[in-house]
């Protein structure tokens, strides 16, 4: 006769083996075991605190759960498919350790509120780790930016040369993206840190539990006010995946630029051997695998967000087995973000070098100073739109003649408009073009230096 486990006498036979494998989540929710043990210890303490079990029984349960923790860390506790999920695996092992007292750990609790608690504890912890990695990433951006305040790089719109900017200013744009990511995760964390423990299967419990007590033990900020909402809510996971997707968007944008910059067409950076690979048949190749992988991995995080939205969109209250599908995508997104942040941080810190001579050449070989010619005239009383049209004309004739604006003679400038004087050459030099943009938040060297000071203070406070 097949041994029945887990379910009540309502069932007369065990699950079909294939269905048991299909139904089981132990293969991935074992990731939650440390959080499951912590949550169960808090629950056991609450049961003793409220008199639902004796103090001695509470101590036995807490000690037994701690033993399981040590067994797991030492590789001695490795439950298989027969345990179905991490919660049953822990309860079964606990009963083996402390006897029938172990069966009391599930009093006044359901796997529905239990898994919700575990997932929130896990995500709260992971968010803090990701925020720390974001700070390290920001720190490396600042380290590089502080060395390149006066290094110029072409600025682009529509991937066409637009205006030169300080390289530090360019990198600070990514710093600000990461800062929003850091702050966004803090906002998400507030809604993650609400306890569903005690909501039961869906309707609460008849036992005189103290939900605020367990919330305090587990350092939750609050508890769910509605038991149906508590066991079925995954908004916090969706919010996290939204924030995670934006982190990957920002990393992917930087990755794309590094890929472009390292190409022969741009040659703005040199990739070092420690962060690049070669080709199996083309010996001259040095491939930007790190940024390419980050760019590629972005799609899987987007996919997990979409999957979670689809899971939730049609679920009636309260808990449904569909919610078992919330974990693998969540775990994978966390791991993907952490790995991508680490890889991009290493790439920036030690895997690439900016080719400053090439950058200097790049900003001197185009018409990205054309706006400054129009501004020059506008500052001398010429209506900007008139100046704009005049400069458009001179750019057109210069291109036809194979010249840059800096190559025009003073007589040619003055034929265009008598307001031009000898100082036009200084006004359109790349360094002056950048330095002149001294409005708040602009690329002028003074503004960039101030922005660097403020950014450094932001991540060290």
Protein backbone atom coordinates (compact mmCIF):
# COMPACT_ATOMS: atom_id res chain seq x y z
CA UNK A 1 0.00 0.00 0.00
CA UNK A 2 1.34 3.45 -0.92
CA UNK A 3 2.12 5.50 2.13
CA UNK A 4 0.09 8.69 2.32
CA UNK A 5 1.70 11.82 3.68
CA UNK A 6 0.79 15.47 4.04
CA UNK A 7 -2.93 15.31 3.35
CA UNK A 8 -5.88 14.51 5.62
CA UNK A 9 -8.02 11.40 5.69
CA UNK A 10 -10.17 13.11 3.07
CA UNK A 11 -7.88 11.45 0.53
CA UNK A 12 -7.88 7.69 -0.03
CA UNK A 13 -4.80 7.42 -2.24
CA UNK A 14 -1.53 9.19 -2.88
CA UNK A 15 -0.79 11.46 -5.81
CA UNK A 16 0.29 9.93 -9.09
CA UNK A 17 4.12 10.14 -9.13
CA UNK A 18 4.17 12.39 -12.19
CA UNK A 19 1.58 14.70 -10.64
CA UNK A 20 3.57 14.74 -7.41
CA UNK A 21 6.63 15.92 -9.33
CA UNK A 22 4.56 18.46 -11.24
CA UNK A 23 2.98 19.73 -8.04
CA UNK A 24 6.18 19.95 -6.00
CA UNK A 25 8.01 23.23 -5.46
CA UNK A 26 10.82 21.96 -3.21
CA UNK A 27 13.22 22.16 -6.15
CA UNK A 28 13.13 25.94 -6.04
CA UNK A 29 11.44 27.07 -2.83
CA UNK A 30 14.25 25.51 -0.81
CA UNK A 31 15.73 28.97 -1.47
CA UNK A 32 13.35 30.18 1.24
CA UNK A 33 14.41 27.71 3.93
CA UNK A 34 16.33 30.16 6.14
CA UNK A 35 13.41 32.58 6.00
CA UNK A 36 10.93 29.77 6.62
CA UNK A 37 12.85 28.74 9.72
CA UNK A 38 13.02 32.33 10.99
CA UNK A 39 9.31 32.86 10.40
CA UNK A 40 8.44 29.55 12.07
CA UNK A 41 10.55 30.41 15.11
CA UNK A 42 8.68 33.69 15.48
CA UNK A 43 5.37 31.86 15.10
CA UNK A 44 6.35 29.31 17.76
CA UNK A 45 7.34 32.09 20.16
CA UNK A 46 4.00 33.77 19.56
CA UNK A 47 2.10 30.53 20.22
CA UNK A 48 3.89 30.25 23.57
CA UNK A 49 3.48 33.96 24.30
CA UNK A 50 -0.28 33.74 23.87
CA UNK A 51 -0.63 30.47 25.79
CA UNK A 52 -1.73 28.45 22.76
CA UNK A 53 1.18 26.12 23.53
CA UNK A 54 3.27 25.89 26.68
CA UNK A 55 6.52 27.84 27.09
CA UNK A 56 8.43 24.54 27.15
CA UNK A 57 6.87 23.46 23.87
CA UNK A 58 7.74 26.82 22.36
CA UNK A 59 11.36 26.43 23.41
CA UNK A 60 11.47 22.91 21.94
CA UNK A 61 10.11 24.13 18.64
CA UNK A 62 12.54 27.06 18.43
CA UNK A 63 15.51 24.82 19.30
CA UNK A 64 14.43 22.16 16.80
CA UNK A 65 14.06 24.73 14.04
CA UNK A 66 17.52 26.06 14.82
CA UNK A 67 18.92 22.54 14.57
CA UNK A 68 17.39 22.23 11.10
CA UNK A 69 19.06 25.51 10.15
CA UNK A 70 22.45 24.17 11.15
CA UNK A 71 21.81 20.86 9.39
CA UNK A 72 20.90 22.71 6.20
CA UNK A 73 23.97 24.94 6.36
CA UNK A 74 26.18 21.88 6.83
CA UNK A 75 24.56 20.09 3.90
CA UNK A 76 22.92 17.43 6.10
CA UNK A 77 19.31 18.44 5.35
CA UNK A 78 18.47 18.08 1.68
CA UNK A 79 14.77 17.26 1.25
CA UNK A 80 13.54 15.75 -2.02
CA UNK A 81 10.36 15.81 -4.11
CA UNK A 82 8.54 13.65 -1.56
CA UNK A 83 8.51 16.66 0.78
CA UNK A 84 6.54 18.66 -1.83
CA UNK A 85 7.62 22.06 -0.51
CA UNK A 86 10.00 23.65 1.94
CA UNK A 87 7.28 24.12 4.57
CA UNK A 88 6.35 20.46 4.79
CA UNK A 89 10.01 19.47 4.61
CA UNK A 90 10.79 21.59 7.65
CA UNK A 91 7.74 20.45 9.61
CA UNK A 92 8.48 16.80 8.92
CA UNK A 93 12.10 17.11 9.99
CA UNK A 94 11.07 19.12 13.06
CA UNK A 95 8.73 16.31 14.13
CA UNK A 96 11.57 13.83 13.72
CA UNK A 97 13.71 15.96 16.03
CA UNK A 98 11.26 16.96 18.79
CA UNK A 99 8.53 14.38 18.37
CA UNK A 100 4.81 15.13 18.35
CA UNK A 101 5.44 18.66 19.63
CA UNK A 102 6.69 19.41 16.14
CA UNK A 103 3.19 18.89 14.81
CA UNK A 104 2.06 21.90 16.84
CA UNK A 105 4.20 24.39 14.89
CA UNK A 106 1.49 24.74 12.26
CA UNK A 107 -1.21 25.65 14.78
CA UNK A 108 -3.06 28.84 13.76
CA UNK A 109 -1.13 29.03 10.51
CA UNK A 110 -1.59 28.03 6.87
CA UNK A 111 0.96 27.50 4.18
CA UNK A 112 -0.75 30.44 2.49
CA UNK A 113 0.29 33.02 5.05
CA UNK A 114 3.52 31.11 5.71
CA UNK A 115 4.82 31.31 2.15
CA UNK A 116 3.76 34.94 1.93
CA UNK A 117 5.81 35.66 5.03
CA UNK A 118 8.82 33.73 3.77
CA UNK A 119 8.77 35.49 0.40
CA UNK A 120 8.61 38.92 2.01
CA UNK A 121 11.47 38.12 4.39
CA UNK A 122 13.53 36.88 1.44
CA UNK A 123 12.78 39.89 -0.74
CA UNK A 124 13.39 42.37 2.06
CA UNK A 125 16.84 40.88 2.55
CA UNK A 126 17.61 40.79 -1.18
CA UNK A 127 16.52 44.39 -1.69
CA UNK A 128 19.08 45.52 0.88
CA UNK A 129 21.78 43.52 -0.88
CA UNK A 130 20.86 44.99 -4.25
CA UNK A 131 20.84 48.50 -2.80
CA UNK A 132 24.37 47.89 -1.51
CA UNK A 133 25.46 46.72 -4.96
CA UNK A 134 23.90 49.82 -6.50
CA UNK A 135 25.93 51.98 -4.14
CA UNK A 136 29.12 50.20 -5.18
CA UNK A 137 28.21 50.66 -8.84
CA UNK A 138 27.57 54.35 -8.23
CA UNK A 139 30.86 54.67 -6.41
CA UNK A 140 32.80 53.31 -9.38
CA UNK A 141 30.96 55.68 -11.73
CA UNK A 142 32.04 58.57 -9.51
CA UNK A 143 35.63 57.33 -9.30
CA UNK A 144 35.88 57.40 -13.09
CA UNK A 145 33.94 60.65 -13.47
CA UNK A 146 36.20 62.48 -11.00
CA UNK A 147 39.16 61.68 -13.25
CA UNK A 148 37.43 62.90 -16.40
CA UNK A 149 35.73 66.19 -15.60
CA UNK A 150 37.63 67.91 -18.41
CA UNK A 151 37.70 64.95 -20.77
CA UNK A 152 35.32 65.66 -23.63
CA UNK A 153 33.14 63.13 -25.41
CA UNK A 154 30.69 63.63 -28.27
CA UNK A 155 27.12 63.95 -27.05
CA UNK A 156 24.46 62.39 -29.23
CA UNK A 157 20.79 62.71 -30.01
CA UNK A 158 19.26 60.26 -32.48
CA UNK A 159 22.73 58.65 -32.37
CA UNK A 160 23.96 61.66 -34.37
CA UNK A 161 26.64 64.02 -33.11
CA UNK A 162 24.86 66.79 -31.22
CA UNK A 163 27.07 68.72 -28.78
CA UNK A 164 30.26 67.81 -26.92
CA UNK A 165 29.92 67.12 -23.21
CA UNK A 166 32.15 66.36 -20.26
CA UNK A 167 32.72 62.61 -19.93
CA UNK A 168 32.06 63.03 -16.20
CA UNK A 169 28.70 64.59 -17.04
CA UNK A 170 27.87 61.62 -19.25
CA UNK A 171 28.73 59.14 -16.48
CA UNK A 172 26.80 61.16 -13.91
CA UNK A 173 23.66 60.58 -15.97
CA UNK A 174 24.01 56.88 -15.15
CA UNK A 175 24.72 57.74 -11.53
CA UNK A 176 21.37 59.55 -11.39
CA UNK A 177 19.58 56.58 -12.97
CA UNK A 178 21.10 54.31 -10.33
CA UNK A 179 20.10 56.77 -7.62
CA UNK A 180 16.48 56.56 -8.73
CA UNK A 181 16.82 52.77 -8.71
CA UNK A 182 18.16 52.89 -5.15
CA UNK A 183 15.34 55.16 -4.00
CA UNK A 184 12.72 53.13 -5.86
CA UNK A 185 13.84 49.96 -4.10
CA UNK A 186 13.45 51.78 -0.79
CA UNK A 187 9.85 52.60 -1.72
CA UNK A 188 9.19 49.00 -2.70
CA UNK A 189 10.75 47.77 0.53
CA UNK A 190 8.17 49.63 2.57
CA UNK A 191 5.36 47.61 0.97
CA UNK A 192 7.37 44.39 1.10
CA UNK A 193 7.80 44.83 4.84
CA UNK A 194 4.19 44.11 5.84
CA UNK A 195 3.39 40.84 7.58
CA UNK A 196 0.70 38.43 6.36
CA UNK A 197 1.51 35.96 9.14
CA UNK A 198 -1.67 35.10 11.00
CA UNK A 199 -3.99 35.62 8.03
CA UNK A 200 -4.33 31.85 7.89
CA UNK A 201 -5.62 30.16 4.76
CA UNK A 202 -7.79 33.16 3.91
CA UNK A 203 -10.06 34.08 6.84
CA UNK A 204 -7.82 34.42 9.87
CA UNK A 205 -7.96 31.91 12.76
CA UNK A 206 -10.04 31.02 15.79
CA UNK A 207 -6.95 30.94 18.02
CA UNK A 208 -6.08 34.02 20.13
CA UNK A 209 -2.93 34.85 18.17
CA UNK A 210 -0.99 38.11 18.38
CA UNK A 211 -0.05 39.17 14.87
CA UNK A 212 1.66 42.33 16.03
CA UNK A 213 3.91 40.23 18.25
CA UNK A 214 5.20 38.12 15.35
CA UNK A 215 5.50 41.21 13.16
CA UNK A 216 7.71 42.82 15.79
CA UNK A 217 9.85 39.70 16.16
CA UNK A 218 10.38 39.62 12.40
CA UNK A 219 10.99 43.37 12.11
CA UNK A 220 7.97 43.99 9.92
CA UNK A 221 6.70 47.57 9.92
CA UNK A 222 3.03 46.63 9.83
CA UNK A 223 0.54 43.79 9.31
CA UNK A 224 -2.05 43.21 6.62
CA UNK A 225 -5.42 44.60 7.67
CA UNK A 226 -7.39 42.11 5.58
CA UNK A 227 -6.70 38.37 5.68
CA UNK A 228 -7.93 37.75 2.13
CA UNK A 229 -5.61 40.42 0.83
CA UNK A 230 -2.76 39.21 3.02
CA UNK A 231 -2.57 35.71 1.53
CA UNK A 232 -3.27 36.67 -2.08
CA UNK A 233 -1.34 39.92 -2.50
CA UNK A 234 1.66 39.84 -4.80
CA UNK A 235 1.70 43.55 -5.59
CA UNK A 236 4.96 43.83 -3.69
CA UNK A 237 6.58 41.23 -5.97
CA UNK A 238 5.28 42.97 -9.08
CA UNK A 239 6.55 46.31 -7.80
CA UNK A 240 9.94 44.76 -7.18
CA UNK A 241 10.01 43.29 -10.69
CA UNK A 242 9.12 46.72 -12.09
CA UNK A 243 12.01 48.25 -10.16
CA UNK A 244 14.22 45.35 -11.21
CA UNK A 245 13.30 45.90 -14.85
CA UNK A 246 14.28 49.56 -14.62
CA UNK A 247 17.62 48.65 -13.06
CA UNK A 248 18.24 46.35 -16.01
CA UNK A 249 17.10 49.05 -18.46
CA UNK A 250 19.73 51.39 -17.06
CA UNK A 251 22.46 48.76 -17.04
CA UNK A 252 21.53 47.75 -20.57
CA UNK A 253 21.71 51.33 -21.84
CA UNK A 254 25.21 51.70 -20.42
CA UNK A 255 26.12 48.28 -21.78
CA UNK A 256 24.98 49.32 -25.25
CA UNK A 257 27.15 52.43 -25.10
CA UNK A 258 30.20 50.43 -24.00
CA UNK A 259 29.60 48.05 -26.91
CA UNK A 260 29.47 50.99 -29.33
CA UNK A 261 32.42 52.77 -27.73
CA UNK A 262 34.62 49.68 -27.98
CA UNK A 263 33.95 49.19 -31.71
CA UNK A 264 36.45 50.20 -34.38
CA UNK A 265 33.94 52.75 -35.60
CA UNK A 266 33.99 54.63 -32.28
CA UNK A 267 37.25 53.56 -30.56
CA UNK A 268 36.36 55.56 -27.46
CA UNK A 269 37.35 52.78 -25.03
CA UNK A 270 39.76 49.89 -24.95
CA UNK A 271 38.52 46.67 -23.37
CA UNK A 272 41.05 44.97 -21.10
CA UNK A 273 41.70 41.26 -21.34
CA UNK A 274 40.18 40.57 -17.92
CA UNK A 275 36.71 41.52 -19.14
CA UNK A 276 36.70 40.52 -22.80
CA UNK A 277 36.83 37.32 -24.82
CA UNK A 278 38.07 36.34 -28.25
CA UNK A 279 36.73 34.56 -31.28
CA UNK A 280 37.18 30.84 -31.94
CA UNK A 281 38.25 31.49 -35.55
CA UNK A 282 39.13 35.21 -35.79
CA UNK A 283 42.30 35.81 -33.75
CA UNK A 284 42.10 39.60 -33.99
CA UNK A 285 38.75 39.83 -32.21
CA UNK A 286 38.17 41.15 -28.68
CA UNK A 287 34.49 40.80 -27.85
CA UNK A 288 32.52 42.87 -25.28
CA UNK A 289 30.86 39.82 -23.72
CA UNK A 290 30.09 41.43 -20.36
CA UNK A 291 27.94 44.29 -21.68
CA UNK A 292 26.41 42.02 -24.32
CA UNK A 293 25.33 39.54 -21.64
CA UNK A 294 23.89 42.30 -19.48
CA UNK A 295 21.98 43.59 -22.49
CA UNK A 296 20.71 40.08 -23.17
CA UNK A 297 19.80 39.23 -19.58
CA UNK A 298 17.62 42.32 -19.41
CA UNK A 299 14.99 40.52 -21.46
CA UNK A 300 14.62 37.68 -18.96
CA UNK A 301 13.82 40.12 -16.15
CA UNK A 302 11.25 41.83 -18.37
CA UNK A 303 9.80 38.39 -19.04
CA UNK A 304 9.47 37.60 -15.36
CA UNK A 305 7.58 40.86 -14.82
CA UNK A 306 5.20 40.04 -17.64
CA UNK A 307 4.72 36.51 -16.34
CA UNK A 308 3.83 37.78 -12.87
CA UNK A 309 1.32 40.24 -14.26
CA UNK A 310 -0.30 37.49 -16.30
CA UNK A 311 -0.42 35.15 -13.29
CA UNK A 312 -2.20 37.75 -11.18
CA UNK A 313 -4.56 39.31 -13.68
CA UNK A 314 -7.30 36.67 -13.48
CA UNK A 315 -6.95 35.21 -10.00
CA UNK A 316 -10.06 35.25 -7.83
CA UNK A 317 -9.56 35.67 -4.09
CA UNK A 318 -7.82 34.25 -2.24
CA UNK A 319 -4.84 31.88 -2.59
CA UNK A 320 -4.56 29.82 -5.78
CA UNK A 321 -1.92 27.29 -6.77
CA UNK A 322 -0.95 29.62 -9.62
CA UNK A 323 0.89 31.66 -6.99
CA UNK A 324 3.48 28.91 -6.72
CA UNK A 325 4.72 30.32 -10.02
CA UNK A 326 5.71 33.61 -8.42
CA UNK A 327 8.99 32.32 -7.02
CA UNK A 328 11.21 31.08 -9.80
CA UNK A 329 10.93 34.32 -11.76
CA UNK A 330 11.44 36.35 -8.61
CA UNK A 331 14.50 34.36 -7.57
CA UNK A 332 15.95 34.49 -11.06
CA UNK A 333 15.40 38.25 -11.31
CA UNK A 334 17.17 38.82 -8.01
CA UNK A 335 20.11 36.67 -9.09
CA UNK A 336 20.24 38.29 -12.53
CA UNK A 337 20.30 41.82 -11.13
CA UNK A 338 22.98 41.03 -8.58
CA UNK A 339 25.16 39.28 -11.14
CA UNK A 340 24.69 42.07 -13.71
CA UNK A 341 25.48 44.83 -11.23
CA UNK A 342 28.59 43.00 -10.09
CA UNK A 343 29.76 42.38 -13.66
CA UNK A 344 29.19 45.98 -14.78
CA UNK A 345 30.91 47.31 -11.67
CA UNK A 346 33.97 45.15 -12.35
CA UNK A 347 33.93 46.13 -16.03
CA UNK A 348 33.94 49.82 -15.17
CA UNK A 349 36.49 49.50 -12.37
CA UNK A 350 39.08 47.38 -14.11
CA UNK A 351 37.84 46.21 -17.50
CA UNK A 352 37.98 49.27 -19.75
CA UNK A 353 40.02 52.39 -20.35
CA UNK A 354 38.88 55.59 -22.03
CA UNK A 355 41.02 56.64 -24.99
CA UNK A 356 41.32 60.32 -24.18
CA UNK A 357 43.30 61.23 -27.29
CA UNK A 358 40.72 59.60 -29.53
CA UNK A 359 37.93 61.40 -27.64
CA UNK A 360 39.71 64.74 -28.10
CA UNK A 361 39.94 64.06 -31.81
CA UNK A 362 36.31 63.03 -32.01
CA UNK A 363 34.94 66.27 -30.57
CA UNK A 364 37.07 68.33 -32.95
CA UNK A 365 35.99 66.69 -36.20
CA UNK A 366 32.32 67.54 -36.55
CA UNK A 367 29.75 70.35 -36.52
CA UNK A 368 28.58 69.83 -32.94
CA UNK A 369 29.60 73.44 -32.21
CA UNK A 370 27.02 74.85 -34.63
CA UNK A 371 24.56 75.76 -31.87
CA UNK A 372 27.29 77.83 -30.26
CA UNK A 373 27.65 79.87 -33.42
CA UNK A 374 23.92 80.64 -33.29
CA UNK A 375 24.23 81.46 -29.57
CA UNK A 376 27.20 83.73 -30.38
CA UNK A 377 25.03 85.76 -32.75
CA UNK A 378 22.02 85.75 -30.41
CA UNK A 379 24.21 87.17 -27.64
CA UNK A 380 25.00 90.04 -29.99
CA UNK A 381 21.39 90.94 -30.68
CA UNK A 382 20.60 88.74 -33.68
CA UNK A 383 17.22 86.99 -33.22
CA UNK A 384 17.96 83.32 -32.51
CA UNK A 385 15.82 81.95 -35.34
CA UNK A 386 17.59 84.22 -37.81
CA UNK A 387 20.93 83.16 -36.39
CA UNK A 388 19.84 79.50 -36.58
CA UNK A 389 19.08 79.82 -40.28
CA UNK A 390 22.34 81.64 -40.99
CA UNK A 391 24.36 78.89 -39.28
CA UNK A 392 22.43 76.20 -41.14
CA UNK A 393 23.53 77.89 -44.34
CA UNK A 394 27.19 78.07 -43.35
CA UNK A 395 27.18 74.41 -42.26
CA UNK A 396 25.78 73.44 -45.65
CA UNK A 397 28.41 75.42 -47.57
CA UNK A 398 31.20 74.16 -45.27
CA UNK A 399 30.22 70.53 -45.85
CA UNK A 400 30.22 71.16 -49.60
CA UNK A 401 33.68 72.69 -49.33
CA UNK A 402 35.00 69.90 -47.11
CA UNK A 403 35.62 72.25 -44.21
CA UNK A 404 34.76 72.42 -40.54
CA UNK A 405 33.57 75.63 -38.89
CA UNK A 406 36.94 76.12 -37.26
CA UNK A 407 38.53 76.17 -40.73
CA UNK A 408 36.56 79.19 -41.97
CA UNK A 409 38.50 82.43 -42.29
CA UNK A 410 37.36 85.50 -40.39
CA UNK A 411 36.36 87.18 -43.66
CA UNK A 412 34.04 84.29 -44.43
CA UNK A 413 32.41 84.65 -41.01
CA UNK A 414 31.96 88.37 -41.46
CA UNK A 415 30.50 87.89 -44.93
CA UNK A 416 27.88 85.75 -43.23
CA UNK A 417 27.16 88.45 -40.63
CA UNK A 418 29.11 91.55 -39.51
CA UNK A 419 28.62 90.64 -35.83
CA UNK A 420 31.33 87.99 -36.09
CA UNK A 421 34.72 88.90 -34.66
CA UNK A 422 38.00 87.13 -33.99
CA UNK A 423 36.68 85.68 -30.73
CA UNK A 424 34.40 83.33 -32.69
CA UNK A 425 37.21 80.76 -32.82
CA UNK A 426 37.48 80.57 -29.05
CA UNK A 427 33.69 80.48 -28.73
CA UNK A 428 33.44 77.38 -30.91
CA UNK A 429 36.43 75.48 -29.54
CA UNK A 430 35.20 72.18 -28.01
CA UNK A 431 36.46 73.01 -24.54
CA UNK A 432 34.72 76.41 -24.53
CA UNK A 433 31.55 74.89 -25.98
CA UNK A 434 31.40 72.60 -22.95
CA UNK A 435 32.57 75.13 -20.37
CA UNK A 436 29.97 77.67 -21.51
CA UNK A 437 27.06 75.40 -20.64
CA UNK A 438 27.14 76.41 -17.03
CA UNK A 439 23.40 76.29 -16.29
CA UNK A 440 22.38 74.16 -13.32
CA UNK A 441 22.55 70.51 -14.32
CA UNK A 442 24.51 71.34 -17.45
CA UNK A 443 27.81 69.97 -18.72
CA UNK A 444 29.92 73.02 -17.85
CA UNK A 445 32.98 72.06 -15.85
CA UNK A 446 31.96 74.16 -12.84
CA UNK A 447 28.53 72.54 -12.73
CA UNK A 448 29.94 69.05 -13.19
CA UNK A 449 32.41 69.56 -10.34
CA UNK A 450 29.57 70.66 -8.07
CA UNK A 451 27.47 67.69 -9.18
CA UNK A 452 30.30 65.30 -8.32
CA UNK A 453 30.60 66.71 -4.82
CA UNK A 454 26.86 66.40 -4.29
CA UNK A 455 26.79 62.86 -5.68
CA UNK A 456 29.65 61.72 -3.46
CA UNK A 457 27.87 63.13 -0.44
CA UNK A 458 24.67 61.38 -1.50
CA UNK A 459 26.15 57.89 -1.37
CA UNK A 460 28.20 58.38 1.80
CA UNK A 461 25.60 59.97 4.05
